[in-house]
Amino acid sequence: MKPLSIVLIESSIELVPKSIWSHPAILNAARRRRRRPGDMLLDKSVHYHAMKGLMNFEKRGRPDIVHISLLNALGSPLNKRGLLRLYVHTVNELVIFIDPRTRIPRNYNRFTGLFEQLLKYGKVPPGASEPLLYVKEMNLRSLLTEIGSRCLILLSEEGVKASPDRVIEEACSTECAIGIGCFPHGSFSETTYSLAKAIYSIYPEILEAWIVVSRIIEACERLYGMYSEV
């Protein structure tokens, strides 16, 4: 049984961009948290008015989507068995590499603090020689090459209808990574679409990213017979 690779693609997690540091909404939030503007995660629930002028505004500022998706994935039986490899590709072409042993804080404020530290210093813990989390400037194509994935299967509501079991069977038989969008609105970039070997939709309606993550992982656990052993 080979580990399943899942990439959370174009994830809306980033530090506040320099172009909006001086906006009153950013300055007020920084004052409340006693942080510099550029050391905070961009969060639409707090920084909405400051974000309106940003490019791809509708896809940014939702670190909570990443938070819940990571909790679902890293807490899964598949990950506990050492059979999951998880990567976060961000909207700004960074890639977060995650040690499967990482325990993501359940509390959102603690998660925010952890990922602010990660994006500021490049790794967590900052001085560790073998960090649990680290960041590289890397596009999606380079990531797929680095992790040895032969191809990418993309999940999108615009894709061909297929069950999670069918998606997993194809991914495992072809050694493809599975890409799941981790942004609130909009579509994948043309570059992302161009990298996909196949595009599937696992449900007739739009699903939250963390639901898609959990369904795909569960399908892999079934394929590997993990429930029949109980």
Protein backbone atom coordinates (compact mmCIF):
# COMPACT_ATOMS: atom_id res chain seq x y z
CA MET A 1 0.00 0.00 0.00
CA LYS A 2 1.54 3.26 -1.13
CA PRO A 3 0.77 6.56 0.63
CA LEU A 4 -1.91 8.75 -0.95
CA SER A 5 -0.77 12.26 -1.88
CA ILE A 6 -3.30 15.08 -1.47
CA VAL A 7 -2.52 18.66 -2.44
CA LEU A 8 -4.72 21.48 -1.16
CA ILE A 9 -4.48 23.71 -4.21
CA GLU A 10 -4.52 27.53 -4.44
CA SER A 11 -5.25 27.64 -0.72
CA SER A 12 -6.36 31.03 0.58
CA ILE A 13 -3.77 31.34 3.33
CA GLU A 14 -1.18 34.12 3.31
CA LEU A 15 0.23 36.96 5.35
CA VAL A 16 -1.35 40.40 4.88
CA PRO A 17 0.08 41.82 1.61
CA LYS A 18 2.20 44.96 1.87
CA SER A 19 -0.14 46.88 -0.44
CA ILE A 20 -2.83 47.07 2.27
CA TRP A 21 -0.70 47.42 5.43
CA SER A 22 -1.77 51.05 5.87
CA HIS A 23 -5.52 50.42 5.60
CA PRO A 24 -7.41 51.30 8.82
CA ALA A 25 -8.90 47.79 9.08
CA ILE A 26 -5.40 46.28 9.01
CA LEU A 27 -3.93 48.81 11.42
CA ASN A 28 -6.78 48.34 13.89
CA ALA A 29 -6.42 44.55 13.80
CA ALA A 30 -2.64 44.83 14.22
CA ARG A 31 -3.07 47.13 17.20
CA ARG A 32 -5.52 44.77 18.87
CA ARG A 33 -3.22 41.80 18.41
CA ARG A 34 0.00 43.72 19.06
CA ARG A 35 1.42 42.52 15.76
CA ARG A 36 2.94 44.22 12.77
CA PRO A 37 0.52 44.25 9.80
CA GLY A 38 2.74 41.98 7.73
CA ASP A 39 2.95 39.36 10.49
CA MET A 40 -0.81 38.58 10.49
CA LEU A 41 -2.73 36.09 8.37
CA LEU A 42 -5.06 37.72 5.89
CA ASP A 43 -8.59 36.98 7.12
CA LYS A 44 -11.69 38.12 5.27
CA SER A 45 -13.79 38.08 8.44
CA VAL A 46 -11.50 40.79 9.92
CA HIS A 47 -9.93 42.50 6.91
CA TYR A 48 -12.81 42.48 4.42
CA HIS A 49 -12.85 46.21 3.64
CA ALA A 50 -9.09 46.31 3.19
CA MET A 51 -9.14 43.35 0.81
CA LYS A 52 -11.57 44.72 -1.77
CA GLY A 53 -8.81 46.10 -3.99
CA LEU A 54 -6.70 42.94 -4.03
CA MET A 55 -6.37 40.82 -7.15
CA ASN A 56 -8.44 37.62 -6.92
CA PHE A 57 -10.14 39.10 -3.87
CA GLU A 58 -12.86 36.44 -3.87
CA LYS A 59 -10.33 33.59 -3.50
CA ARG A 60 -8.28 35.03 -0.63
CA GLY A 61 -8.42 35.49 3.11
CA ARG A 62 -9.96 32.20 4.26
CA PRO A 63 -7.35 30.39 6.38
CA ASP A 64 -10.19 28.67 8.24
CA ILE A 65 -10.75 26.43 5.19
CA VAL A 66 -7.16 25.21 5.43
CA HIS A 67 -7.51 24.78 9.20
CA ILE A 68 -10.56 22.49 9.04
CA SER A 69 -9.19 20.54 6.06
CA LEU A 70 -5.92 19.85 7.89
CA LEU A 71 -7.73 18.72 11.03
CA ASN A 72 -9.81 16.27 8.98
CA ALA A 73 -6.83 14.88 7.09
CA LEU A 74 -4.20 14.63 9.81
CA GLY A 75 -6.63 13.09 12.28
CA SER A 76 -7.70 10.36 9.86
CA PRO A 77 -6.93 6.65 10.28
CA LEU A 78 -5.13 6.81 6.91
CA ASN A 79 -2.67 9.35 8.28
CA LYS A 80 -2.30 7.50 11.57
CA ARG A 81 -1.22 4.46 9.53
CA GLY A 82 1.42 6.54 7.75
CA LEU A 83 -0.39 6.31 4.42
CA LEU A 84 -1.11 9.99 3.74
CA ARG A 85 1.12 12.73 2.36
CA LEU A 86 -0.43 16.18 2.58
CA TYR A 87 0.73 19.43 0.98
CA VAL A 88 -0.69 22.96 0.98
CA HIS A 89 -0.16 24.91 -2.24
CA THR A 90 -1.10 28.56 -1.69
CA VAL A 91 -2.64 31.17 -3.93
CA ASN A 92 0.73 32.97 -3.93
CA GLU A 93 2.74 29.95 -5.14
CA LEU A 94 4.15 28.79 -1.82
CA VAL A 95 4.04 25.16 -0.75
CA ILE A 96 3.71 24.08 2.87
CA PHE A 97 5.21 20.65 3.59
CA ILE A 98 3.63 18.87 6.55
CA ASP A 99 5.13 16.10 8.64
CA PRO A 100 2.38 13.46 9.10
CA ARG A 101 3.07 13.53 12.86
CA THR A 102 2.04 17.20 13.08
CA ARG A 103 -0.81 17.94 15.45
CA ILE A 104 -2.65 21.01 14.18
CA PRO A 105 -4.21 23.11 16.98
CA ARG A 106 -7.97 22.65 17.18
CA ASN A 107 -8.40 26.20 18.42
CA TYR A 108 -8.51 28.61 15.47
CA ASN A 109 -6.59 31.39 17.23
CA ARG A 110 -3.76 29.01 18.08
CA PHE A 111 -3.76 27.73 14.50
CA THR A 112 -3.53 31.32 13.25
CA GLY A 113 -0.56 32.03 15.49
CA LEU A 114 1.20 28.84 14.37
CA PHE A 115 0.81 29.57 10.66
CA GLU A 116 1.78 33.21 11.06
CA GLN A 117 5.01 31.95 12.60
CA LEU A 118 5.42 29.44 9.78
CA LEU A 119 4.96 31.97 6.99
CA LYS A 120 7.19 34.52 8.71
CA TYR A 121 10.13 32.25 9.54
CA GLY A 122 9.69 29.54 6.90
CA LYS A 123 9.47 26.63 9.31
CA VAL A 124 8.04 25.47 12.64
CA PRO A 125 9.72 25.22 15.07
CA PRO A 126 11.80 28.12 13.65
CA GLY A 127 15.20 26.76 14.72
CA ALA A 128 14.56 23.08 14.08
CA SER A 129 16.79 21.04 11.76
CA GLU A 130 13.83 18.72 11.08
CA PRO A 131 10.74 20.96 11.32
CA LEU A 132 7.19 19.65 11.48
CA LEU A 133 6.12 22.31 8.95
CA TYR A 134 8.19 24.19 6.41
CA VAL A 135 7.58 26.43 3.40
CA LYS A 136 9.13 26.60 -0.07
CA GLU A 137 8.58 29.06 -2.88
CA MET A 138 7.37 26.57 -5.46
CA ASN A 139 4.69 26.28 -8.12
CA LEU A 140 2.37 23.32 -8.46
CA ARG A 141 4.24 21.73 -11.36
CA SER A 142 7.49 21.76 -9.39
CA LEU A 143 5.76 20.28 -6.37
CA LEU A 144 4.40 17.34 -8.37
CA THR A 145 7.89 16.68 -9.70
CA GLU A 146 9.47 16.89 -6.24
CA ILE A 147 7.05 14.46 -4.61
CA GLY A 148 7.29 11.99 -7.48
CA SER A 149 3.66 12.10 -8.59
CA ARG A 150 3.19 10.84 -12.11
CA CYS A 151 0.12 13.02 -12.66
CA LEU A 152 -2.59 15.10 -11.01
CA ILE A 153 -6.27 14.26 -10.61
CA LEU A 154 -8.23 17.42 -9.93
CA LEU A 155 -11.53 17.54 -8.05
CA SER A 156 -13.91 20.25 -9.19
CA GLU A 157 -17.66 20.74 -9.47
CA GLU A 158 -17.00 21.28 -13.19
CA GLY A 159 -15.53 17.80 -13.62
CA VAL A 160 -16.91 14.49 -14.85
CA LYS A 161 -19.16 12.82 -12.27
CA ALA A 162 -17.38 10.01 -10.44
CA SER A 163 -17.60 8.36 -7.03
CA PRO A 164 -14.81 8.87 -4.48
CA ASP A 165 -14.04 5.15 -4.82
CA ARG A 166 -13.49 5.47 -8.57
CA VAL A 167 -11.27 8.51 -8.08
CA ILE A 168 -9.16 6.70 -5.49
CA GLU A 169 -8.83 3.56 -7.58
CA GLU A 170 -7.51 5.61 -10.50
CA ALA A 171 -5.20 7.70 -8.32
CA CYS A 172 -3.67 4.68 -6.61
CA SER A 173 -3.29 2.64 -9.79
CA THR A 174 -1.59 5.49 -11.67
CA GLU A 175 0.35 7.02 -8.73
CA CYS A 176 -1.41 10.35 -9.22
CA ALA A 177 -1.72 13.05 -6.59
CA ILE A 178 -5.23 14.31 -5.88
CA GLY A 179 -5.76 18.07 -5.98
CA ILE A 180 -8.53 19.72 -3.97
CA GLY A 181 -9.26 23.44 -4.16
CA CYS A 182 -8.93 25.18 -0.80
CA PHE A 183 -10.47 28.57 -1.59
CA PRO A 184 -14.00 29.93 -1.02
CA HIS A 185 -15.09 31.13 -4.48
CA GLY A 186 -13.98 31.12 -8.10
CA SER A 187 -12.23 28.51 -10.20
CA PHE A 188 -8.79 26.99 -10.47
CA SER A 189 -6.28 28.92 -12.55
CA GLU A 190 -5.69 27.90 -16.15
CA THR A 191 -2.23 26.72 -15.13
CA THR A 192 -3.72 24.33 -12.57
CA TYR A 193 -6.24 22.98 -15.07
CA SER A 194 -3.44 22.40 -17.59
CA LEU A 195 -1.61 20.10 -15.17
CA ALA A 196 -4.60 17.82 -14.58
CA LYS A 197 -4.69 14.35 -16.15
CA ALA A 198 -8.39 14.13 -15.24
CA ILE A 199 -11.01 16.33 -13.56
CA TYR A 200 -13.76 14.73 -11.52
CA SER A 201 -16.74 15.84 -9.44
CA ILE A 202 -17.75 13.54 -6.59
CA TYR A 203 -21.15 15.15 -5.92
CA PRO A 204 -23.79 16.99 -7.99
CA GLU A 205 -23.55 20.11 -5.81
CA ILE A 206 -20.65 22.21 -4.51
CA LEU A 207 -19.03 20.75 -1.39
CA GLU A 208 -16.78 22.42 1.17
CA ALA A 209 -13.10 21.53 0.77
CA TRP A 210 -12.90 19.70 4.08
CA ILE A 211 -15.85 17.48 3.13
CA VAL A 212 -14.14 16.53 -0.12
CA VAL A 213 -10.92 15.80 1.80
CA SER A 214 -12.74 13.52 4.25
CA ARG A 215 -14.64 11.63 1.52
CA ILE A 216 -11.50 11.00 -0.53
CA ILE A 217 -9.53 9.82 2.49
CA GLU A 218 -12.36 7.54 3.58
CA ALA A 219 -12.50 6.01 0.09
CA CYS A 220 -8.77 5.27 0.28
CA GLU A 221 -9.22 3.69 3.71
CA ARG A 222 -11.91 1.43 2.23
CA LEU A 223 -9.69 0.49 -0.70
CA TYR A 224 -6.91 -0.45 1.70
CA GLY A 225 -9.32 -2.59 3.75
CA MET A 226 -8.81 -0.62 6.92
CA TYR A 227 -12.40 -0.90 8.12
CA SER A 228 -12.81 -4.60 7.42
CA GLU A 229 -10.07 -5.30 9.96
CA VAL A 230 -12.12 -3.83 12.83
